[in-house]
């Protein structure tokens, strides 16, 4: 059985399970602030990796930076999304 995120959250709430506090950010500075807060809470931030990144080469604790990439475009706009990119060693 598969659940969408919103369905899983509704199921958890219905059964009294705690839900994780979310941080929605709109800039790299806000992301860094949220990451610092999440570190203190011992939480992990999940997200997409940048194009050309091999997920097999990543592990927990890998040093990464936030980069902007195009999510999609239409006739009037380009929609961007933050992604993780490994920092070159």
N, C-alpha and C. Protein backbone atom coordinates (compact mmCIF):
# COMPACT_ATOMS: atom_id res chain seq x y z
N UNK A 1 0.84 -1.17 0.00
CA UNK A 1 0.00 0.00 0.00
C UNK A 1 0.90 1.24 0.00
N UNK A 2 0.53 2.24 -0.79
CA UNK A 2 1.29 3.48 -0.86
C UNK A 2 0.41 4.64 -0.39
N UNK A 3 1.05 5.61 0.26
CA UNK A 3 0.37 6.80 0.71
C UNK A 3 1.05 8.03 0.16
N UNK A 4 0.27 9.03 -0.16
CA UNK A 4 0.84 10.35 -0.41
C UNK A 4 1.19 10.93 0.96
N UNK A 5 2.09 11.91 0.97
CA UNK A 5 2.51 12.51 2.24
C UNK A 5 1.32 13.04 3.03
N UNK A 6 0.42 13.75 2.37
CA UNK A 6 -0.71 14.34 3.09
C UNK A 6 -1.61 13.25 3.69
N UNK A 7 -1.72 12.10 3.01
CA UNK A 7 -2.53 11.01 3.53
C UNK A 7 -1.88 10.39 4.76
N UNK A 8 -0.57 10.23 4.71
CA UNK A 8 0.15 9.67 5.85
C UNK A 8 0.04 10.59 7.06
N UNK A 9 0.16 11.89 6.84
CA UNK A 9 0.05 12.85 7.95
C UNK A 9 -1.34 12.81 8.56
N UNK A 10 -2.36 12.70 7.74
CA UNK A 10 -3.73 12.61 8.25
C UNK A 10 -3.92 11.34 9.07
N UNK A 11 -3.35 10.24 8.59
CA UNK A 11 -3.43 8.97 9.31
C UNK A 11 -2.72 9.07 10.66
N UNK A 12 -1.52 9.64 10.67
CA UNK A 12 -0.77 9.81 11.92
C UNK A 12 -1.56 10.66 12.90
N UNK A 13 -2.10 11.78 12.43
CA UNK A 13 -2.85 12.69 13.30
C UNK A 13 -4.08 12.00 13.88
N UNK A 14 -4.76 11.22 13.04
CA UNK A 14 -5.96 10.50 13.49
C UNK A 14 -5.64 9.53 14.62
N UNK A 15 -4.44 8.99 14.63
CA UNK A 15 -4.06 8.01 15.65
C UNK A 15 -3.16 8.59 16.73
N UNK A 16 -3.06 9.92 16.77
CA UNK A 16 -2.33 10.58 17.84
C UNK A 16 -0.82 10.50 17.75
N UNK A 17 -0.28 10.15 16.57
CA UNK A 17 1.16 10.11 16.41
C UNK A 17 1.69 11.52 16.17
N UNK A 18 2.86 11.85 16.74
CA UNK A 18 3.38 13.20 16.56
C UNK A 18 3.82 13.44 15.12
N UNK A 19 3.60 14.66 14.66
CA UNK A 19 4.02 15.06 13.33
C UNK A 19 5.23 15.96 13.44
N UNK A 20 6.10 15.87 12.48
CA UNK A 20 7.32 16.66 12.46
C UNK A 20 6.99 18.10 12.06
N UNK A 21 7.60 19.04 12.77
CA UNK A 21 7.44 20.45 12.40
C UNK A 21 8.17 20.69 11.10
N UNK A 22 7.55 21.42 10.18
CA UNK A 22 8.16 21.68 8.87
C UNK A 22 8.72 23.08 8.80
N UNK A 23 9.73 23.24 7.98
CA UNK A 23 10.31 24.55 7.68
C UNK A 23 10.23 24.75 6.17
N UNK A 24 9.43 25.70 5.73
CA UNK A 24 9.39 26.05 4.31
C UNK A 24 10.28 27.27 4.15
N UNK A 25 11.24 27.19 3.24
CA UNK A 25 12.19 28.29 3.06
C UNK A 25 12.14 28.78 1.62
N UNK A 26 12.57 30.03 1.46
CA UNK A 26 12.52 30.65 0.14
C UNK A 26 13.86 31.23 -0.29
N UNK A 27 14.90 30.98 0.50
CA UNK A 27 16.23 31.46 0.14
C UNK A 27 17.28 30.54 0.76
N UNK A 28 18.51 30.63 0.25
CA UNK A 28 19.56 29.79 0.84
C UNK A 28 19.85 30.21 2.27
N UNK A 29 19.73 31.49 2.59
CA UNK A 29 19.96 31.95 3.97
C UNK A 29 18.93 31.34 4.91
N UNK A 30 17.67 31.33 4.51
CA UNK A 30 16.62 30.71 5.33
C UNK A 30 16.86 29.22 5.47
N UNK A 31 17.35 28.57 4.42
CA UNK A 31 17.63 27.13 4.49
C UNK A 31 18.73 26.85 5.50
N UNK A 32 19.77 27.70 5.50
CA UNK A 32 20.85 27.50 6.48
C UNK A 32 20.33 27.68 7.90
N UNK A 33 19.47 28.67 8.12
CA UNK A 33 18.89 28.87 9.45
C UNK A 33 18.07 27.65 9.87
N UNK A 34 17.25 27.15 8.96
CA UNK A 34 16.42 25.99 9.27
C UNK A 34 17.29 24.77 9.54
N UNK A 35 18.36 24.60 8.77
CA UNK A 35 19.24 23.45 8.96
C UNK A 35 19.90 23.50 10.33
N UNK A 36 20.30 24.68 10.78
CA UNK A 36 20.90 24.81 12.11
C UNK A 36 19.89 24.41 13.17
N UNK A 37 18.65 24.89 13.03
CA UNK A 37 17.61 24.51 13.98
C UNK A 37 17.37 23.01 13.97
N UNK A 38 17.33 22.43 12.79
CA UNK A 38 17.07 21.00 12.68
C UNK A 38 18.22 20.17 13.25
N UNK A 39 19.44 20.66 13.14
CA UNK A 39 20.59 19.96 13.72
C UNK A 39 20.41 19.85 15.23
N UNK A 40 19.96 20.92 15.86
CA UNK A 40 19.75 20.90 17.30
C UNK A 40 18.65 19.90 17.67
N UNK A 41 17.69 19.70 16.78
CA UNK A 41 16.59 18.77 17.02
C UNK A 41 16.93 17.35 16.57
N UNK A 42 18.12 17.16 16.02
CA UNK A 42 18.56 15.84 15.52
C UNK A 42 17.63 15.33 14.43
N UNK A 43 17.34 16.21 13.47
CA UNK A 43 16.47 15.85 12.36
C UNK A 43 17.26 15.89 11.07
N UNK A 44 16.75 15.24 10.06
CA UNK A 44 17.37 15.18 8.74
C UNK A 44 16.51 15.95 7.75
N UNK A 45 17.16 16.71 6.88
CA UNK A 45 16.46 17.44 5.84
C UNK A 45 16.57 16.63 4.55
N UNK A 46 15.44 16.29 3.97
CA UNK A 46 15.42 15.54 2.73
C UNK A 46 15.17 16.47 1.57
N UNK A 47 15.65 16.11 0.41
CA UNK A 47 15.40 16.91 -0.77
C UNK A 47 15.98 16.24 -2.00
N UNK A 48 15.71 16.84 -3.14
CA UNK A 48 16.25 16.32 -4.39
C UNK A 48 17.71 16.69 -4.52
N UNK A 49 18.44 15.88 -5.27
CA UNK A 49 19.84 16.20 -5.55
C UNK A 49 19.94 16.86 -6.92
N UNK A 50 20.98 17.66 -7.10
CA UNK A 50 21.18 18.40 -8.34
C UNK A 50 21.43 17.45 -9.50
N UNK A 51 21.13 17.92 -10.69
CA UNK A 51 21.36 17.13 -11.91
C UNK A 51 22.83 16.73 -11.98
N UNK A 52 23.06 15.51 -12.41
CA UNK A 52 24.43 15.01 -12.55
C UNK A 52 24.99 14.40 -11.29
N UNK A 53 24.23 14.42 -10.20
CA UNK A 53 24.69 13.84 -8.94
C UNK A 53 24.32 12.37 -8.89
N UNK A 54 25.29 11.53 -8.53
CA UNK A 54 25.03 10.10 -8.37
C UNK A 54 24.62 9.84 -6.93
N UNK A 55 23.34 9.53 -6.67
CA UNK A 55 22.89 9.30 -5.29
C UNK A 55 23.65 8.19 -4.58
N UNK A 56 24.20 7.25 -5.32
CA UNK A 56 24.97 6.16 -4.71
C UNK A 56 26.24 6.66 -4.03
N UNK A 57 26.70 7.84 -4.43
CA UNK A 57 27.93 8.39 -3.85
C UNK A 57 27.65 9.25 -2.62
N UNK A 58 26.39 9.43 -2.26
CA UNK A 58 26.02 10.23 -1.10
C UNK A 58 25.77 9.35 0.10
N UNK A 59 26.01 9.91 1.28
CA UNK A 59 25.67 9.22 2.52
C UNK A 59 25.32 10.27 3.56
N UNK A 60 24.74 9.84 4.66
CA UNK A 60 24.40 10.77 5.73
C UNK A 60 25.66 11.50 6.15
N UNK A 61 25.57 12.81 6.25
CA UNK A 61 26.70 13.61 6.66
C UNK A 61 27.54 14.14 5.51
N UNK A 62 27.19 13.77 4.26
CA UNK A 62 27.93 14.29 3.11
C UNK A 62 27.81 15.81 3.10
N UNK A 63 28.90 16.49 2.76
CA UNK A 63 28.86 17.94 2.68
C UNK A 63 28.20 18.35 1.37
N UNK A 64 27.15 19.15 1.46
CA UNK A 64 26.40 19.58 0.29
C UNK A 64 26.12 21.08 0.37
N UNK A 65 25.77 21.65 -0.77
CA UNK A 65 25.34 23.04 -0.83
C UNK A 65 24.01 23.10 -1.56
N UNK A 66 23.27 24.18 -1.35
CA UNK A 66 22.00 24.38 -2.04
C UNK A 66 22.24 25.07 -3.36
N UNK A 67 21.61 24.57 -4.42
CA UNK A 67 21.68 25.19 -5.73
C UNK A 67 20.27 25.29 -6.30
N UNK A 68 20.06 26.28 -7.14
CA UNK A 68 18.77 26.44 -7.81
C UNK A 68 18.81 25.75 -9.16
N UNK A 69 17.75 25.01 -9.47
CA UNK A 69 17.60 24.40 -10.78
C UNK A 69 16.18 24.62 -11.26
N UNK A 70 16.00 24.51 -12.55
CA UNK A 70 14.67 24.67 -13.12
C UNK A 70 13.83 23.44 -12.81
N UNK A 71 12.68 23.67 -12.23
CA UNK A 71 11.72 22.60 -11.98
C UNK A 71 10.95 22.33 -13.26
N UNK A 72 10.38 23.41 -13.84
CA UNK A 72 9.74 23.34 -15.14
C UNK A 72 9.51 24.75 -15.65
N UNK A 73 9.15 24.87 -16.91
CA UNK A 73 8.88 26.16 -17.53
C UNK A 73 7.56 26.10 -18.28
N UNK A 74 6.91 27.25 -18.33
CA UNK A 74 5.75 27.37 -19.21
C UNK A 74 6.00 28.57 -20.12
N UNK A 75 5.00 29.02 -20.84
CA UNK A 75 5.18 30.12 -21.78
C UNK A 75 5.55 31.44 -21.10
N UNK A 76 5.21 31.57 -19.83
CA UNK A 76 5.41 32.85 -19.14
C UNK A 76 6.44 32.81 -18.02
N UNK A 77 6.73 31.65 -17.47
CA UNK A 77 7.57 31.58 -16.28
C UNK A 77 8.53 30.40 -16.30
N UNK A 78 9.58 30.56 -15.53
CA UNK A 78 10.48 29.46 -15.21
C UNK A 78 10.33 29.22 -13.72
N UNK A 79 10.00 28.00 -13.34
CA UNK A 79 9.79 27.65 -11.94
C UNK A 79 11.04 26.95 -11.42
N UNK A 80 11.57 27.48 -10.32
CA UNK A 80 12.83 26.99 -9.77
C UNK A 80 12.60 26.19 -8.51
N UNK A 81 13.57 25.34 -8.20
CA UNK A 81 13.52 24.52 -7.00
C UNK A 81 14.93 24.42 -6.43
N UNK A 82 15.02 24.40 -5.10
CA UNK A 82 16.32 24.21 -4.44
C UNK A 82 16.65 22.72 -4.47
N UNK A 83 17.91 22.42 -4.74
CA UNK A 83 18.39 21.03 -4.71
C UNK A 83 19.73 20.96 -4.02
N UNK A 84 20.08 19.77 -3.55
CA UNK A 84 21.36 19.54 -2.90
C UNK A 84 22.40 19.17 -3.94
N UNK A 85 23.60 19.76 -3.81
CA UNK A 85 24.71 19.44 -4.69
C UNK A 85 25.93 19.15 -3.81
N UNK A 86 26.57 18.00 -3.99
CA UNK A 86 27.75 17.70 -3.18
C UNK A 86 28.85 18.74 -3.39
N UNK A 87 29.52 19.07 -2.32
CA UNK A 87 30.64 20.00 -2.39
C UNK A 87 31.86 19.22 -2.87
N UNK A 88 32.53 19.72 -3.89
CA UNK A 88 33.70 19.03 -4.44
C UNK A 88 34.78 18.90 -3.36
N UNK A 89 35.38 17.72 -3.30
CA UNK A 89 36.42 17.47 -2.29
C UNK A 89 37.74 18.10 -2.69
